[in-house]
mmCIF file of all heavy atoms, coordinates in Angstrom:
data_MODEL
# 
_entry.id   MODEL 
# 
loop_
_atom_site.group_PDB 
_atom_site.id 
_atom_site.type_symbol 
_atom_site.label_atom_id 
_atom_site.label_alt_id 
_atom_site.label_comp_id 
_atom_site.label_asym_id 
_atom_site.label_entity_id 
_atom_site.label_seq_id 
_atom_site.pdbx_PDB_ins_code 
_atom_site.Cartn_x 
_atom_site.Cartn_y 
_atom_site.Cartn_z 
_atom_site.occupancy 
_atom_site.B_iso_or_equiv 
_atom_site.pdbx_formal_charge 
_atom_site.auth_seq_id 
_atom_site.auth_comp_id 
_atom_site.auth_asym_id 
_atom_site.auth_atom_id 
_atom_site.pdbx_PDB_model_num 
ATOM 1   N N   . PRO A 1 1  ? -59.164 21.074 230.500 1.00 0.00 ? 1  PRO A N   1 
ATOM 2   C CA  . PRO A 1 1  ? -59.271 22.046 229.408 1.00 0.00 ? 1  PRO A CA  1 
ATOM 3   C C   . PRO A 1 1  ? -59.792 23.377 229.921 1.00 0.00 ? 1  PRO A C   1 
ATOM 4   O O   . PRO A 1 1  ? -60.473 23.447 230.940 1.00 0.00 ? 1  PRO A O   1 
ATOM 5   C CB  . PRO A 1 1  ? -60.276 21.392 228.447 1.00 0.00 ? 1  PRO A CB  1 
ATOM 6   C CG  . PRO A 1 1  ? -61.106 20.496 229.324 1.00 0.00 ? 1  PRO A CG  1 
ATOM 7   C CD  . PRO A 1 1  ? -60.164 19.994 230.389 1.00 0.00 ? 1  PRO A CD  1 
ATOM 8   N N   . GLN A 1 2  ? -59.470 24.433 229.200 1.00 0.00 ? 2  GLN A N   1 
ATOM 9   C CA  . GLN A 1 2  ? -59.963 25.743 229.583 1.00 0.00 ? 2  GLN A CA  1 
ATOM 10  C C   . GLN A 1 2  ? -61.473 25.803 229.424 1.00 0.00 ? 2  GLN A C   1 
ATOM 11  O O   . GLN A 1 2  ? -62.045 25.213 228.511 1.00 0.00 ? 2  GLN A O   1 
ATOM 12  C CB  . GLN A 1 2  ? -59.313 26.830 228.712 1.00 0.00 ? 2  GLN A CB  1 
ATOM 13  C CG  . GLN A 1 2  ? -57.824 26.990 228.959 1.00 0.00 ? 2  GLN A CG  1 
ATOM 14  C CD  . GLN A 1 2  ? -57.243 28.145 228.171 1.00 0.00 ? 2  GLN A CD  1 
ATOM 15  O OE1 . GLN A 1 2  ? -57.894 28.710 227.307 1.00 0.00 ? 2  GLN A OE1 1 
ATOM 16  N NE2 . GLN A 1 2  ? -56.018 28.500 228.474 1.00 0.00 ? 2  GLN A NE2 1 
ATOM 17  N N   . VAL A 1 3  ? -62.100 26.525 230.356 1.00 0.00 ? 3  VAL A N   1 
ATOM 18  C CA  . VAL A 1 3  ? -63.549 26.690 230.303 1.00 0.00 ? 3  VAL A CA  1 
ATOM 19  C C   . VAL A 1 3  ? -63.890 27.856 229.379 1.00 0.00 ? 3  VAL A C   1 
ATOM 20  O O   . VAL A 1 3  ? -63.412 28.973 229.582 1.00 0.00 ? 3  VAL A O   1 
ATOM 21  C CB  . VAL A 1 3  ? -64.127 26.950 231.708 1.00 0.00 ? 3  VAL A CB  1 
ATOM 22  C CG1 . VAL A 1 3  ? -65.623 27.197 231.628 1.00 0.00 ? 3  VAL A CG1 1 
ATOM 23  C CG2 . VAL A 1 3  ? -63.819 25.777 232.626 1.00 0.00 ? 3  VAL A CG2 1 
ATOM 24  N N   . ASN A 1 4  ? -64.682 27.602 228.352 1.00 0.00 ? 4  ASN A N   1 
ATOM 25  C CA  . ASN A 1 4  ? -65.107 28.642 227.431 1.00 0.00 ? 4  ASN A CA  1 
ATOM 26  C C   . ASN A 1 4  ? -66.632 28.758 227.452 1.00 0.00 ? 4  ASN A C   1 
ATOM 27  O O   . ASN A 1 4  ? -67.330 27.747 227.431 1.00 0.00 ? 4  ASN A O   1 
ATOM 28  C CB  . ASN A 1 4  ? -64.631 28.336 226.007 1.00 0.00 ? 4  ASN A CB  1 
ATOM 29  C CG  . ASN A 1 4  ? -63.119 28.380 225.883 1.00 0.00 ? 4  ASN A CG  1 
ATOM 30  O OD1 . ASN A 1 4  ? -62.511 29.367 226.239 1.00 0.00 ? 4  ASN A OD1 1 
ATOM 31  N ND2 . ASN A 1 4  ? -62.521 27.308 225.390 1.00 0.00 ? 4  ASN A ND2 1 
ATOM 32  N N   . PHE A 1 5  ? -67.130 29.984 227.503 1.00 0.00 ? 5  PHE A N   1 
ATOM 33  C CA  . PHE A 1 5  ? -68.563 30.220 227.533 1.00 0.00 ? 5  PHE A CA  1 
ATOM 34  C C   . PHE A 1 5  ? -69.045 30.585 226.133 1.00 0.00 ? 5  PHE A C   1 
ATOM 35  O O   . PHE A 1 5  ? -68.326 31.246 225.380 1.00 0.00 ? 5  PHE A O   1 
ATOM 36  C CB  . PHE A 1 5  ? -68.902 31.344 228.507 1.00 0.00 ? 5  PHE A CB  1 
ATOM 37  C CG  . PHE A 1 5  ? -68.464 31.072 229.922 1.00 0.00 ? 5  PHE A CG  1 
ATOM 38  C CD1 . PHE A 1 5  ? -67.340 31.696 230.449 1.00 0.00 ? 5  PHE A CD1 1 
ATOM 39  C CD2 . PHE A 1 5  ? -69.171 30.191 230.726 1.00 0.00 ? 5  PHE A CD2 1 
ATOM 40  C CE1 . PHE A 1 5  ? -66.932 31.464 231.743 1.00 0.00 ? 5  PHE A CE1 1 
ATOM 41  C CE2 . PHE A 1 5  ? -68.778 29.954 232.026 1.00 0.00 ? 5  PHE A CE2 1 
ATOM 42  C CZ  . PHE A 1 5  ? -67.645 30.585 232.535 1.00 0.00 ? 5  PHE A CZ  1 
ATOM 43  N N   . PRO A 1 6  ? -70.278 30.166 225.757 1.00 0.00 ? 6  PRO A N   1 
ATOM 44  C CA  . PRO A 1 6  ? -70.816 30.533 224.441 1.00 0.00 ? 6  PRO A CA  1 
ATOM 45  C C   . PRO A 1 6  ? -70.868 32.046 224.276 1.00 0.00 ? 6  PRO A C   1 
ATOM 46  O O   . PRO A 1 6  ? -71.283 32.771 225.187 1.00 0.00 ? 6  PRO A O   1 
ATOM 47  C CB  . PRO A 1 6  ? -72.223 29.925 224.464 1.00 0.00 ? 6  PRO A CB  1 
ATOM 48  C CG  . PRO A 1 6  ? -72.164 28.836 225.493 1.00 0.00 ? 6  PRO A CG  1 
ATOM 49  C CD  . PRO A 1 6  ? -71.200 29.312 226.525 1.00 0.00 ? 6  PRO A CD  1 
ATOM 50  N N   . LEU A 1 7  ? -70.427 32.514 223.124 1.00 0.00 ? 7  LEU A N   1 
ATOM 51  C CA  . LEU A 1 7  ? -70.370 33.952 222.880 1.00 0.00 ? 7  LEU A CA  1 
ATOM 52  C C   . LEU A 1 7  ? -71.752 34.588 222.963 1.00 0.00 ? 7  LEU A C   1 
ATOM 53  O O   . LEU A 1 7  ? -71.901 35.709 223.453 1.00 0.00 ? 7  LEU A O   1 
ATOM 54  C CB  . LEU A 1 7  ? -69.746 34.221 221.506 1.00 0.00 ? 7  LEU A CB  1 
ATOM 55  C CG  . LEU A 1 7  ? -69.465 35.691 221.164 1.00 0.00 ? 7  LEU A CG  1 
ATOM 56  C CD1 . LEU A 1 7  ? -68.517 36.301 222.172 1.00 0.00 ? 7  LEU A CD1 1 
ATOM 57  C CD2 . LEU A 1 7  ? -68.892 35.815 219.757 1.00 0.00 ? 7  LEU A CD2 1 
ATOM 58  N N   . CYS A 1 8  ? -72.782 33.861 222.496 1.00 0.00 ? 8  CYS A N   1 
ATOM 59  C CA  . CYS A 1 8  ? -74.137 34.419 222.528 1.00 0.00 ? 8  CYS A CA  1 
ATOM 60  C C   . CYS A 1 8  ? -74.604 34.651 223.966 1.00 0.00 ? 8  CYS A C   1 
ATOM 61  O O   . CYS A 1 8  ? -75.336 35.593 224.256 1.00 0.00 ? 8  CYS A O   1 
ATOM 62  C CB  . CYS A 1 8  ? -75.109 33.503 221.795 1.00 0.00 ? 8  CYS A CB  1 
ATOM 63  S SG  . CYS A 1 8  ? -75.188 31.831 222.470 1.00 0.00 ? 8  CYS A SG  1 
ATOM 64  N N   . THR A 1 9  ? -74.147 33.789 224.879 1.00 0.00 ? 9  THR A N   1 
ATOM 65  C CA  . THR A 1 9  ? -74.534 33.923 226.281 1.00 0.00 ? 9  THR A CA  1 
ATOM 66  C C   . THR A 1 9  ? -73.871 35.132 226.920 1.00 0.00 ? 9  THR A C   1 
ATOM 67  O O   . THR A 1 9  ? -74.536 35.950 227.574 1.00 0.00 ? 9  THR A O   1 
ATOM 68  C CB  . THR A 1 9  ? -74.159 32.657 227.076 1.00 0.00 ? 9  THR A CB  1 
ATOM 69  O OG1 . THR A 1 9  ? -74.863 31.527 226.528 1.00 0.00 ? 9  THR A OG1 1 
ATOM 70  C CG2 . THR A 1 9  ? -74.515 32.813 228.545 1.00 0.00 ? 9  THR A CG2 1 
ATOM 71  N N   . ILE A 1 10 ? -72.568 35.271 226.741 1.00 0.00 ? 10 ILE A N   1 
ATOM 72  C CA  . ILE A 1 10 ? -71.875 36.371 227.403 1.00 0.00 ? 10 ILE A CA  1 
ATOM 73  C C   . ILE A 1 10 ? -72.256 37.721 226.792 1.00 0.00 ? 10 ILE A C   1 
ATOM 74  O O   . ILE A 1 10 ? -72.172 38.756 227.454 1.00 0.00 ? 10 ILE A O   1 
ATOM 75  C CB  . ILE A 1 10 ? -70.343 36.180 227.357 1.00 0.00 ? 10 ILE A CB  1 
ATOM 76  C CG1 . ILE A 1 10 ? -69.819 36.238 225.919 1.00 0.00 ? 10 ILE A CG1 1 
ATOM 77  C CG2 . ILE A 1 10 ? -69.938 34.885 228.007 1.00 0.00 ? 10 ILE A CG2 1 
ATOM 78  C CD1 . ILE A 1 10 ? -68.309 36.184 225.837 1.00 0.00 ? 10 ILE A CD1 1 
ATOM 79  N N   . ALA A 1 11 ? -72.701 37.719 225.523 1.00 0.00 ? 11 ALA A N   1 
ATOM 80  C CA  . ALA A 1 11 ? -73.049 38.988 224.870 1.00 0.00 ? 11 ALA A CA  1 
ATOM 81  C C   . ALA A 1 11 ? -74.496 39.393 225.113 1.00 0.00 ? 11 ALA A C   1 
ATOM 82  O O   . ALA A 1 11 ? -74.803 40.587 225.213 1.00 0.00 ? 11 ALA A O   1 
ATOM 83  C CB  . ALA A 1 11 ? -72.785 38.890 223.366 1.00 0.00 ? 11 ALA A CB  1 
ATOM 84  N N   . ASN A 1 12 ? -75.401 38.414 225.225 1.00 0.00 ? 12 ASN A N   1 
ATOM 85  C CA  . ASN A 1 12 ? -76.839 38.732 225.266 1.00 0.00 ? 12 ASN A CA  1 
ATOM 86  C C   . ASN A 1 12 ? -77.542 38.368 226.571 1.00 0.00 ? 12 ASN A C   1 
ATOM 87  O O   . ASN A 1 12 ? -78.388 39.129 227.042 1.00 0.00 ? 12 ASN A O   1 
ATOM 88  C CB  . ASN A 1 12 ? -77.548 38.026 224.109 1.00 0.00 ? 12 ASN A CB  1 
ATOM 89  C CG  . ASN A 1 12 ? -76.983 38.431 222.766 1.00 0.00 ? 12 ASN A CG  1 
ATOM 90  O OD1 . ASN A 1 12 ? -76.788 39.609 222.495 1.00 0.00 ? 12 ASN A OD1 1 
ATOM 91  N ND2 . ASN A 1 12 ? -76.708 37.451 221.904 1.00 0.00 ? 12 ASN A ND2 1 
ATOM 92  N N   . THR A 1 13 ? -77.203 37.234 227.149 1.00 0.00 ? 13 THR A N   1 
ATOM 93  C CA  . THR A 1 13 ? -77.931 36.782 228.347 1.00 0.00 ? 13 THR A CA  1 
ATOM 94  C C   . THR A 1 13 ? -76.970 36.329 229.443 1.00 0.00 ? 13 THR A C   1 
ATOM 95  O O   . THR A 1 13 ? -76.962 35.159 229.842 1.00 0.00 ? 13 THR A O   1 
ATOM 96  C CB  . THR A 1 13 ? -78.886 35.629 227.989 1.00 0.00 ? 13 THR A CB  1 
ATOM 97  O OG1 . THR A 1 13 ? -78.111 34.566 227.379 1.00 0.00 ? 13 THR A OG1 1 
ATOM 98  C CG2 . THR A 1 13 ? -79.975 36.086 227.066 1.00 0.00 ? 13 THR A CG2 1 
ATOM 99  N N   . PRO A 1 14 ? -76.113 37.223 229.944 1.00 0.00 ? 14 PRO A N   1 
ATOM 100 C CA  . PRO A 1 14 ? -75.186 36.823 231.015 1.00 0.00 ? 14 PRO A CA  1 
ATOM 101 C C   . PRO A 1 14 ? -75.935 36.457 232.287 1.00 0.00 ? 14 PRO A C   1 
ATOM 102 O O   . PRO A 1 14 ? -76.907 37.109 232.660 1.00 0.00 ? 14 PRO A O   1 
ATOM 103 C CB  . PRO A 1 14 ? -74.320 38.075 231.214 1.00 0.00 ? 14 PRO A CB  1 
ATOM 104 C CG  . PRO A 1 14 ? -75.191 39.209 230.758 1.00 0.00 ? 14 PRO A CG  1 
ATOM 105 C CD  . PRO A 1 14 ? -75.993 38.658 229.614 1.00 0.00 ? 14 PRO A CD  1 
ATOM 106 N N   . ARG A 1 15 ? -75.490 35.387 232.946 1.00 0.00 ? 15 ARG A N   1 
ATOM 107 C CA  . ARG A 1 15 ? -76.139 34.943 234.168 1.00 0.00 ? 15 ARG A CA  1 
ATOM 108 C C   . ARG A 1 15 ? -75.157 34.810 235.336 1.00 0.00 ? 15 ARG A C   1 
ATOM 109 O O   . ARG A 1 15 ? -75.567 34.756 236.487 1.00 0.00 ? 15 ARG A O   1 
ATOM 110 C CB  . ARG A 1 15 ? -76.828 33.587 233.942 1.00 0.00 ? 15 ARG A CB  1 
ATOM 111 C CG  . ARG A 1 15 ? -77.909 33.605 232.888 1.00 0.00 ? 15 ARG A CG  1 
ATOM 112 C CD  . ARG A 1 15 ? -78.596 32.252 232.760 1.00 0.00 ? 15 ARG A CD  1 
ATOM 113 N NE  . ARG A 1 15 ? -77.653 31.212 232.358 1.00 0.00 ? 15 ARG A NE  1 
ATOM 114 C CZ  . ARG A 1 15 ? -77.313 30.964 231.087 1.00 0.00 ? 15 ARG A CZ  1 
ATOM 115 N NH1 . ARG A 1 15 ? -77.834 31.707 230.116 1.00 0.00 ? 15 ARG A NH1 1 
ATOM 116 N NH2 . ARG A 1 15 ? -76.471 30.006 230.787 1.00 0.00 ? 15 ARG A NH2 1 
ATOM 117 N N   . LEU A 1 16 ? -73.863 34.724 234.994 1.00 0.00 ? 16 LEU A N   1 
ATOM 118 C CA  . LEU A 1 16 ? -72.840 34.525 236.018 1.00 0.00 ? 16 LEU A CA  1 
ATOM 119 C C   . LEU A 1 16 ? -71.843 35.678 235.999 1.00 0.00 ? 16 LEU A C   1 
ATOM 120 O O   . LEU A 1 16 ? -71.677 36.341 234.972 1.00 0.00 ? 16 LEU A O   1 
ATOM 121 C CB  . LEU A 1 16 ? -72.088 33.203 235.766 1.00 0.00 ? 16 LEU A CB  1 
ATOM 122 C CG  . LEU A 1 16 ? -72.918 31.925 235.730 1.00 0.00 ? 16 LEU A CG  1 
ATOM 123 C CD1 . LEU A 1 16 ? -72.047 30.758 235.282 1.00 0.00 ? 16 LEU A CD1 1 
ATOM 124 C CD2 . LEU A 1 16 ? -73.509 31.651 237.101 1.00 0.00 ? 16 LEU A CD2 1 
ATOM 125 N N   . PRO A 1 17 ? -71.159 35.915 237.115 1.00 0.00 ? 17 PRO A N   1 
ATOM 126 C CA  . PRO A 1 17 ? -70.115 36.957 237.100 1.00 0.00 ? 17 PRO A CA  1 
ATOM 127 C C   . PRO A 1 17 ? -69.028 36.654 236.073 1.00 0.00 ? 17 PRO A C   1 
ATOM 128 O O   . PRO A 1 17 ? -68.460 37.557 235.471 1.00 0.00 ? 17 PRO A O   1 
ATOM 129 C CB  . PRO A 1 17 ? -69.577 36.943 238.534 1.00 0.00 ? 17 PRO A CB  1 
ATOM 130 C CG  . PRO A 1 17 ? -70.009 35.640 239.121 1.00 0.00 ? 17 PRO A CG  1 
ATOM 131 C CD  . PRO A 1 17 ? -71.304 35.307 238.457 1.00 0.00 ? 17 PRO A CD  1 
ATOM 132 N N   . GLU A 1 18 ? -68.772 35.350 235.847 1.00 0.00 ? 18 GLU A N   1 
ATOM 133 C CA  . GLU A 1 18 ? -67.780 34.962 234.842 1.00 0.00 ? 18 GLU A CA  1 
ATOM 134 C C   . GLU A 1 18 ? -68.198 35.399 233.447 1.00 0.00 ? 18 GLU A C   1 
ATOM 135 O O   . GLU A 1 18 ? -67.344 35.737 232.608 1.00 0.00 ? 18 GLU A O   1 
ATOM 136 C CB  . GLU A 1 18 ? -67.549 33.446 234.865 1.00 0.00 ? 18 GLU A CB  1 
ATOM 137 C CG  . GLU A 1 18 ? -66.852 32.915 236.097 1.00 0.00 ? 18 GLU A CG  1 
ATOM 138 C CD  . GLU A 1 18 ? -67.783 32.636 237.257 1.00 0.00 ? 18 GLU A CD  1 
ATOM 139 O OE1 . GLU A 1 18 ? -68.973 33.011 237.169 1.00 0.00 ? 18 GLU A OE1 1 
ATOM 140 O OE2 . GLU A 1 18 ? -67.340 32.047 238.250 1.00 0.00 ? 18 GLU A OE2 1 
ATOM 141 N N   . HIS A 1 19 ? -69.509 35.394 233.176 1.00 0.00 ? 19 HIS A N   1 
ATOM 142 C CA  . HIS A 1 19 ? -70.000 35.845 231.869 1.00 0.00 ? 19 HIS A CA  1 
ATOM 143 C C   . HIS A 1 19 ? -69.661 37.319 231.656 1.00 0.00 ? 19 HIS A C   1 
ATOM 144 O O   . HIS A 1 19 ? -69.271 37.721 230.546 1.00 0.00 ? 19 HIS A O   1 
ATOM 145 C CB  . HIS A 1 19 ? -71.515 35.641 231.766 1.00 0.00 ? 19 HIS A CB  1 
ATOM 146 C CG  . HIS A 1 19 ? -71.918 34.205 231.748 1.00 0.00 ? 19 HIS A CG  1 
ATOM 147 N ND1 . HIS A 1 19 ? -73.216 33.811 231.997 1.00 0.00 ? 19 HIS A ND1 1 
ATOM 148 C CD2 . HIS A 1 19 ? -71.224 33.072 231.527 1.00 0.00 ? 19 HIS A CD2 1 
ATOM 149 C CE1 . HIS A 1 19 ? -73.297 32.494 231.919 1.00 0.00 ? 19 HIS A CE1 1 
ATOM 150 N NE2 . HIS A 1 19 ? -72.092 32.022 231.631 1.00 0.00 ? 19 HIS A NE2 1 
ATOM 151 N N   . CYS A 1 20 ? -69.807 38.119 232.695 1.00 0.00 ? 20 CYS A N   1 
ATOM 152 C CA  . CYS A 1 20 ? -69.513 39.554 232.593 1.00 0.00 ? 20 CYS A CA  1 
ATOM 153 C C   . CYS A 1 20 ? -68.024 39.788 232.348 1.00 0.00 ? 20 CYS A C   1 
ATOM 154 O O   . CYS A 1 20 ? -67.639 40.653 231.549 1.00 0.00 ? 20 CYS A O   1 
ATOM 155 C CB  . CYS A 1 20 ? -69.949 40.269 233.871 1.00 0.00 ? 20 CYS A CB  1 
ATOM 156 S SG  . CYS A 1 20 ? -71.714 40.082 234.253 1.00 0.00 ? 20 CYS A SG  1 
ATOM 157 N N   . ILE A 1 21 ? -67.203 39.030 233.042 1.00 0.00 ? 21 ILE A N   1 
ATOM 158 C CA  . ILE A 1 21 ? -65.753 39.173 232.881 1.00 0.00 ? 21 ILE A CA  1 
ATOM 159 C C   . ILE A 1 21 ? -65.328 38.759 231.479 1.00 0.00 ? 21 ILE A C   1 
ATOM 160 O O   . ILE A 1 21 ? -64.510 39.434 230.835 1.00 0.00 ? 21 ILE A O   1 
ATOM 161 C CB  . ILE A 1 21 ? -65.013 38.343 233.954 1.00 0.00 ? 21 ILE A CB  1 
ATOM 162 C CG1 . ILE A 1 21 ? -65.354 38.862 235.354 1.00 0.00 ? 21 ILE A CG1 1 
ATOM 163 C CG2 . ILE A 1 21 ? -63.502 38.381 233.720 1.00 0.00 ? 21 ILE A CG2 1 
ATOM 164 C CD1 . ILE A 1 21 ? -64.904 37.951 236.476 1.00 0.00 ? 21 ILE A CD1 1 
ATOM 165 N N   . GLU A 1 22 ? -65.885 37.666 230.980 1.00 0.00 ? 22 GLU A N   1 
ATOM 166 C CA  . GLU A 1 22 ? -65.544 37.199 229.637 1.00 0.00 ? 22 GLU A CA  1 
ATOM 167 C C   . GLU A 1 22 ? -65.994 38.190 228.572 1.00 0.00 ? 22 GLU A C   1 
ATOM 168 O O   . GLU A 1 22 ? -65.323 38.373 227.554 1.00 0.00 ? 22 GLU A O   1 
ATOM 169 C CB  . GLU A 1 22 ? -66.197 35.832 229.374 1.00 0.00 ? 22 GLU A CB  1 
ATOM 170 C CG  . GLU A 1 22 ? -65.488 34.671 230.042 1.00 0.00 ? 22 GLU A CG  1 
ATOM 171 C CD  . GLU A 1 22 ? -64.152 34.361 229.387 1.00 0.00 ? 22 GLU A CD  1 
ATOM 172 O OE1 . GLU A 1 22 ? -63.151 35.019 229.737 1.00 0.00 ? 22 GLU A OE1 1 
ATOM 173 O OE2 . GLU A 1 22 ? -64.105 33.473 228.520 1.00 0.00 ? 22 GLU A OE2 1 
ATOM 174 N N   . TYR A 1 23 ? -67.130 38.856 228.805 1.00 0.00 ? 23 TYR A N   1 
ATOM 175 C CA  . TYR A 1 23 ? -67.610 39.867 227.855 1.00 0.00 ? 23 TYR A CA  1 
ATOM 176 C C   . TYR A 1 23 ? -66.594 40.998 227.730 1.00 0.00 ? 23 TYR A C   1 
ATOM 177 O O   . TYR A 1 23 ? -66.261 41.432 226.625 1.00 0.00 ? 23 TYR A O   1 
ATOM 178 C CB  . TYR A 1 23 ? -68.961 40.419 228.310 1.00 0.00 ? 23 TYR A CB  1 
ATOM 179 C CG  . TYR A 1 23 ? -69.463 41.567 227.456 1.00 0.00 ? 23 TYR A CG  1 
ATOM 180 C CD1 . TYR A 1 23 ? -70.142 41.321 226.260 1.00 0.00 ? 23 TYR A CD1 1 
ATOM 181 C CD2 . TYR A 1 23 ? -69.242 42.888 227.845 1.00 0.00 ? 23 TYR A CD2 1 
ATOM 182 C CE1 . TYR A 1 23 ? -70.592 42.371 225.479 1.00 0.00 ? 23 TYR A CE1 1 
ATOM 183 C CE2 . TYR A 1 23 ? -69.693 43.936 227.063 1.00 0.00 ? 23 TYR A CE2 1 
ATOM 184 C CZ  . TYR A 1 23 ? -70.364 43.679 225.878 1.00 0.00 ? 23 TYR A CZ  1 
ATOM 185 O OH  . TYR A 1 23 ? -70.793 44.726 225.087 1.00 0.00 ? 23 TYR A OH  1 
ATOM 186 N N   . VAL A 1 24 ? -66.092 41.451 228.865 1.00 0.00 ? 24 VAL A N   1 
ATOM 187 C CA  . VAL A 1 24 ? -65.103 42.534 228.841 1.00 0.00 ? 24 VAL A CA  1 
ATOM 188 C C   . VAL A 1 24 ? -63.799 42.044 228.213 1.00 0.00 ? 24 VAL A C   1 
ATOM 189 O O   . VAL A 1 24 ? -63.185 42.751 227.408 1.00 0.00 ? 24 VAL A O   1 
ATOM 190 C CB  . VAL A 1 24 ? -64.840 43.061 230.264 1.00 0.00 ? 24 VAL A CB  1 
ATOM 191 C CG1 . VAL A 1 24 ? -63.746 44.122 230.250 1.00 0.00 ? 24 VAL A CG1 1 
ATOM 192 C CG2 . VAL A 1 24 ? -66.129 43.629 230.862 1.00 0.00 ? 24 VAL A CG2 1 
ATOM 193 N N   . ARG A 1 25 ? -63.401 40.826 228.546 1.00 0.00 ? 25 ARG A N   1 
ATOM 194 C CA  . ARG A 1 25 ? -62.135 40.283 228.043 1.00 0.00 ? 25 ARG A CA  1 
ATOM 195 C C   . ARG A 1 25 ? -62.164 40.076 226.528 1.00 0.00 ? 25 ARG A C   1 
ATOM 196 O O   . ARG A 1 25 ? -61.211 40.424 225.819 1.00 0.00 ? 25 ARG A O   1 
ATOM 197 C CB  . ARG A 1 25 ? -61.818 38.952 228.728 1.00 0.00 ? 25 ARG A CB  1 
ATOM 198 C CG  . ARG A 1 25 ? -60.462 38.361 228.360 1.00 0.00 ? 25 ARG A CG  1 
ATOM 199 C CD  . ARG A 1 25 ? -60.252 37.010 229.021 1.00 0.00 ? 25 ARG A CD  1 
ATOM 200 N NE  . ARG A 1 25 ? -61.079 35.984 228.405 1.00 0.00 ? 25 ARG A NE  1 
ATOM 201 C CZ  . ARG A 1 25 ? -60.717 35.273 227.329 1.00 0.00 ? 25 ARG A CZ  1 
ATOM 202 N NH1 . ARG A 1 25 ? -59.560 35.512 226.739 1.00 0.00 ? 25 ARG A NH1 1 
ATOM 203 N NH2 . ARG A 1 25 ? -61.511 34.336 226.846 1.00 0.00 ? 25 ARG A NH2 1 
# 
């Protein structure tokens, strides 16, 4: 399955480079 990150994490507390990319996407 596709990997999805919690929206609250990517918007408020990014910890991984993937979080930053998902925020922009």
